[in-house]
Amino acid sequence: MPTSHPASCIPAFTNTAAAFLLLITAIGCGDSLPSYEMVPVSGVVNLDGSPVANASLVFYSETLPRAFATTDNSGTFKLETPQYGEGIAAGNYLVQIQSTDQTTDSQSGKSVSIPIVYGENGIEVISISNDGEKTYTFDLKSRPKNGDYVSENSMAEA
């Protein structure tokens, strides 16, 4: 025996289904990333005049996506951001460089250690503008003097 459904059930079901689909769509679109024009940034890291392989770089900002790089065998690097890929958003950044377990002098192949102050305090605060590719050379010293790195209170500038 066929059962009949009251006509009032169909609109209620349709409204519920529509609300559910709207909710699913809203959840899927929720956490979209902000849009940034990415600027290509590359360069070289030297320690006492020699290129450094396998040094780790961080371009730090409290308000913008951080960018990272590791130097290759010739001491060169290209910045990338995990969320956006190659490049960095325009803005101010504190540049921090530190040794890894495999950091070496590119010319001699000997293991070297980048002074910790370059990684903790940073080297300098730089301003990246979106007017084309940027290239930087960071000349580090194995015995840095005050002024060769950023003072602790300068980190607020980034």
Foldseek 3Di string as FASTA:
>chain_A
DDDDDDPVVVVVVVVVVVVVVVVVVCVVPPDDDDDFDFAKEKEFEAEPRFTKFQKKKWWDDPPFFIWIWGAHLRRMIIIAGPVGGGGGGFFKTFIAIFHDPLIAGSPPSHHDGADCQCHPQNQDIDTGDRPHHYYDYQYGYSDDDPVRGHDNVCNVVD
